[in-house]
Amino acid sequence: MCSPVERRLAGLRELLQGPGLESLLDVLLCLYRECSGAPLRRERSVQQFLEWGECPALGGSVQRGCVALL
Protein backbone atom coordinates (compact mmCIF):
# COMPACT_ATOMS: atom_id res chain seq x y z
CA MET A 1 0.00 0.00 0.00
CA CYS A 2 1.30 3.44 -0.94
CA SER A 3 1.46 6.37 1.38
CA PRO A 4 -0.48 9.54 0.49
CA VAL A 5 2.78 11.23 -0.45
CA GLU A 6 3.70 8.44 -2.86
CA ARG A 7 0.22 8.52 -4.43
CA ARG A 8 0.43 12.29 -4.83
CA LEU A 9 3.91 12.04 -6.37
CA ALA A 10 2.68 9.38 -8.81
CA GLY A 11 -0.23 11.64 -9.78
CA LEU A 12 2.08 14.60 -10.37
CA ARG A 13 4.40 12.50 -12.52
CA GLU A 14 1.44 11.43 -14.61
CA LEU A 15 0.37 15.05 -15.10
CA LEU A 16 3.87 16.13 -16.12
CA GLN A 17 4.04 13.53 -18.86
CA GLY A 18 1.21 15.31 -20.62
CA PRO A 19 -0.47 14.20 -23.81
CA GLY A 20 1.28 11.82 -26.13
CA LEU A 21 2.68 12.63 -29.53
CA GLU A 22 -0.33 11.04 -31.23
CA SER A 23 -2.71 13.42 -29.45
CA LEU A 24 -0.62 16.47 -30.30
CA LEU A 25 -0.48 15.46 -33.97
CA ASP A 26 -4.25 14.99 -34.00
CA VAL A 27 -4.71 18.49 -32.58
CA LEU A 28 -2.39 20.01 -35.19
CA LEU A 29 -4.18 18.18 -37.97
CA CYS A 30 -7.59 19.38 -36.75
CA LEU A 31 -6.31 22.94 -36.41
CA TYR A 32 -4.88 22.81 -39.93
CA ARG A 33 -8.18 21.60 -41.36
CA GLU A 34 -10.16 24.27 -39.50
CA CYS A 35 -7.81 27.02 -40.64
CA SER A 36 -8.11 25.87 -44.24
CA GLY A 37 -11.61 27.35 -44.43
CA ALA A 38 -12.06 30.32 -46.74
CA PRO A 39 -12.66 33.10 -44.14
CA LEU A 40 -9.66 32.23 -41.97
CA ARG A 41 -7.32 31.57 -44.85
CA ARG A 42 -7.06 35.29 -45.60
CA GLU A 43 -5.33 36.06 -42.29
CA ARG A 44 -1.56 36.36 -42.63
CA SER A 45 -0.70 34.30 -39.54
CA VAL A 46 -3.11 31.56 -40.66
CA GLN A 47 -1.51 31.54 -44.12
CA GLN A 48 1.90 31.10 -42.53
CA PHE A 49 0.64 28.23 -40.38
CA LEU A 50 -0.90 26.53 -43.42
CA GLU A 51 2.35 26.87 -45.37
CA TRP A 52 4.27 25.45 -42.42
CA GLY A 53 1.86 22.51 -42.19
CA GLU A 54 2.04 21.48 -45.83
CA CYS A 55 3.71 18.20 -46.65
CA PRO A 56 5.47 18.43 -50.03
CA ALA A 57 6.15 14.69 -50.06
CA LEU A 58 2.40 14.04 -50.23
CA GLY A 59 1.58 16.65 -52.85
CA GLY A 60 0.91 19.41 -50.34
CA SER A 61 -1.89 17.64 -48.52
CA VAL A 62 -1.57 17.23 -44.78
CA GLN A 63 -1.60 13.66 -43.57
CA ARG A 64 -0.44 12.00 -40.38
CA GLY A 65 2.01 9.92 -42.44
CA CYS A 66 3.92 13.07 -43.28
CA VAL A 67 5.31 13.20 -39.75
CA ALA A 68 7.03 9.88 -40.34
CA LEU A 69 9.08 11.60 -43.02
CA LEU A 70 10.67 14.01 -40.51
C-alpha atoms as a PDB file:
ATOM      1  CA  MET A   1       0.000   0.000   0.000  1.00  0.00           C
ATOM      2  CA  CYS A   2       1.296   3.443  -0.941  1.00  0.00           C
ATOM      3  CA  SER A   3       1.460   6.371   1.384  1.00  0.00           C
ATOM      4  CA  PRO A   4      -0.483   9.535   0.492  1.00  0.00           C
ATOM      5  CA  VAL A   5       2.784  11.228  -0.449  1.00  0.00           C
ATOM      6  CA  GLU A   6       3.700   8.441  -2.860  1.00  0.00           C
ATOM      7  CA  ARG A   7       0.224   8.522  -4.430  1.00  0.00           C
ATOM      8  CA  ARG A   8       0.428  12.291  -4.834  1.00  0.00           C
ATOM      9  CA  LEU A   9       3.908  12.040  -6.369  1.00  0.00           C
ATOM     10  CA  ALA A  10       2.684   9.385  -8.807  1.00  0.00           C
ATOM     11  CA  GLY A  11      -0.229  11.642  -9.781  1.00  0.00           C
ATOM     12  CA  LEU A  12       2.078  14.602 -10.371  1.00  0.00           C
ATOM     13  CA  ARG A  13       4.404  12.504 -12.521  1.00  0.00           C
ATOM     14  CA  GLU A  14       1.442  11.432 -14.607  1.00  0.00           C
ATOM     15  CA  LEU A  15       0.374  15.051 -15.096  1.00  0.00           C
ATOM     16  CA  LEU A  16       3.873  16.125 -16.116  1.00  0.00           C
ATOM     17  CA  GLN A  17       4.035  13.527 -18.863  1.00  0.00           C
ATOM     18  CA  GLY A  18       1.215  15.313 -20.623  1.00  0.00           C
ATOM     19  CA  PRO A  19      -0.466  14.203 -23.815  1.00  0.00           C
ATOM     20  CA  GLY A  20       1.281  11.815 -26.129  1.00  0.00           C
ATOM     21  CA  LEU A  21       2.676  12.628 -29.534  1.00  0.00           C
ATOM     22  CA  GLU A  22      -0.334  11.038 -31.229  1.00  0.00           C
ATOM     23  CA  SER A  23      -2.707  13.417 -29.447  1.00  0.00           C
ATOM     24  CA  LEU A  24      -0.624  16.470 -30.300  1.00  0.00           C
ATOM     25  CA  LEU A  25      -0.478  15.456 -33.967  1.00  0.00           C
ATOM     26  CA  ASP A  26      -4.251  14.993 -34.003  1.00  0.00           C
ATOM     27  CA  VAL A  27      -4.705  18.492 -32.576  1.00  0.00           C
ATOM     28  CA  LEU A  28      -2.386  20.014 -35.190  1.00  0.00           C
ATOM     29  CA  LEU A  29      -4.177  18.181 -37.973  1.00  0.00           C
ATOM     30  CA  CYS A  30      -7.586  19.382 -36.748  1.00  0.00           C
ATOM     31  CA  LEU A  31      -6.313  22.944 -36.415  1.00  0.00           C
ATOM     32  CA  TYR A  32      -4.876  22.807 -39.934  1.00  0.00           C
ATOM     33  CA  ARG A  33      -8.183  21.595 -41.360  1.00  0.00           C
ATOM     34  CA  GLU A  34     -10.160  24.268 -39.498  1.00  0.00           C
ATOM     35  CA  CYS A  35      -7.809  27.023 -40.640  1.00  0.00           C
ATOM     36  CA  SER A  36      -8.107  25.874 -44.243  1.00  0.00           C
ATOM     37  CA  GLY A  37     -11.612  27.347 -44.426  1.00  0.00           C
ATOM     38  CA  ALA A  38     -12.062  30.320 -46.739  1.00  0.00           C
ATOM     39  CA  PRO A  39     -12.656  33.098 -44.141  1.00  0.00           C
ATOM     40  CA  LEU A  40      -9.661  32.228 -41.968  1.00  0.00           C
ATOM     41  CA  ARG A  41      -7.325  31.570 -44.852  1.00  0.00           C
ATOM     42  CA  ARG A  42      -7.058  35.291 -45.597  1.00  0.00           C
ATOM     43  CA  GLU A  43      -5.329  36.057 -42.287  1.00  0.00           C
ATOM     44  CA  ARG A  44      -1.558  36.363 -42.631  1.00  0.00           C
ATOM     45  CA  SER A  45      -0.704  34.299 -39.537  1.00  0.00           C
ATOM     46  CA  VAL A  46      -3.109  31.559 -40.664  1.00  0.00           C
ATOM     47  CA  GLN A  47      -1.508  31.541 -44.121  1.00  0.00           C
ATOM     48  CA  GLN A  48       1.903  31.104 -42.530  1.00  0.00           C
ATOM     49  CA  PHE A  49       0.642  28.229 -40.382  1.00  0.00           C
ATOM     50  CA  LEU A  50      -0.899  26.532 -43.419  1.00  0.00           C
ATOM     51  CA  GLU A  51       2.351  26.869 -45.370  1.00  0.00           C
ATOM     52  CA  TRP A  52       4.273  25.448 -42.418  1.00  0.00           C
ATOM     53  CA  GLY A  53       1.862  22.513 -42.192  1.00  0.00           C
ATOM     54  CA  GLU A  54       2.041  21.480 -45.833  1.00  0.00           C
ATOM     55  CA  CYS A  55       3.711  18.200 -46.653  1.00  0.00           C
ATOM     56  CA  PRO A  56       5.467  18.435 -50.028  1.00  0.00           C
ATOM     57  CA  ALA A  57       6.152  14.695 -50.063  1.00  0.00           C
ATOM     58  CA  LEU A  58       2.396  14.039 -50.234  1.00  0.00           C
ATOM     59  CA  GLY A  59       1.577  16.653 -52.850  1.00  0.00           C
ATOM     60  CA  GLY A  60       0.909  19.411 -50.341  1.00  0.00           C
ATOM     61  CA  SER A  61      -1.887  17.636 -48.518  1.00  0.00           C
ATOM     62  CA  VAL A  62      -1.570  17.231 -44.779  1.00  0.00           C
ATOM     63  CA  GLN A  63      -1.598  13.658 -43.572  1.00  0.00           C
ATOM     64  CA  ARG A  64      -0.438  11.998 -40.382  1.00  0.00           C
ATOM     65  CA  GLY A  65       2.005   9.924 -42.438  1.00  0.00           C
ATOM     66  CA  CYS A  66       3.918  13.075 -43.277  1.00  0.00           C
ATOM     67  CA  VAL A  67       5.309  13.200 -39.754  1.00  0.00           C
ATOM     68  CA  ALA A  68       7.035   9.881 -40.337  1.00  0.00           C
ATOM     69  CA  LEU A  69       9.083  11.603 -43.018  1.00  0.00           C
ATOM     70  CA  LEU A  70      10.671  14.010 -40.514  1.00  0.00           C
END
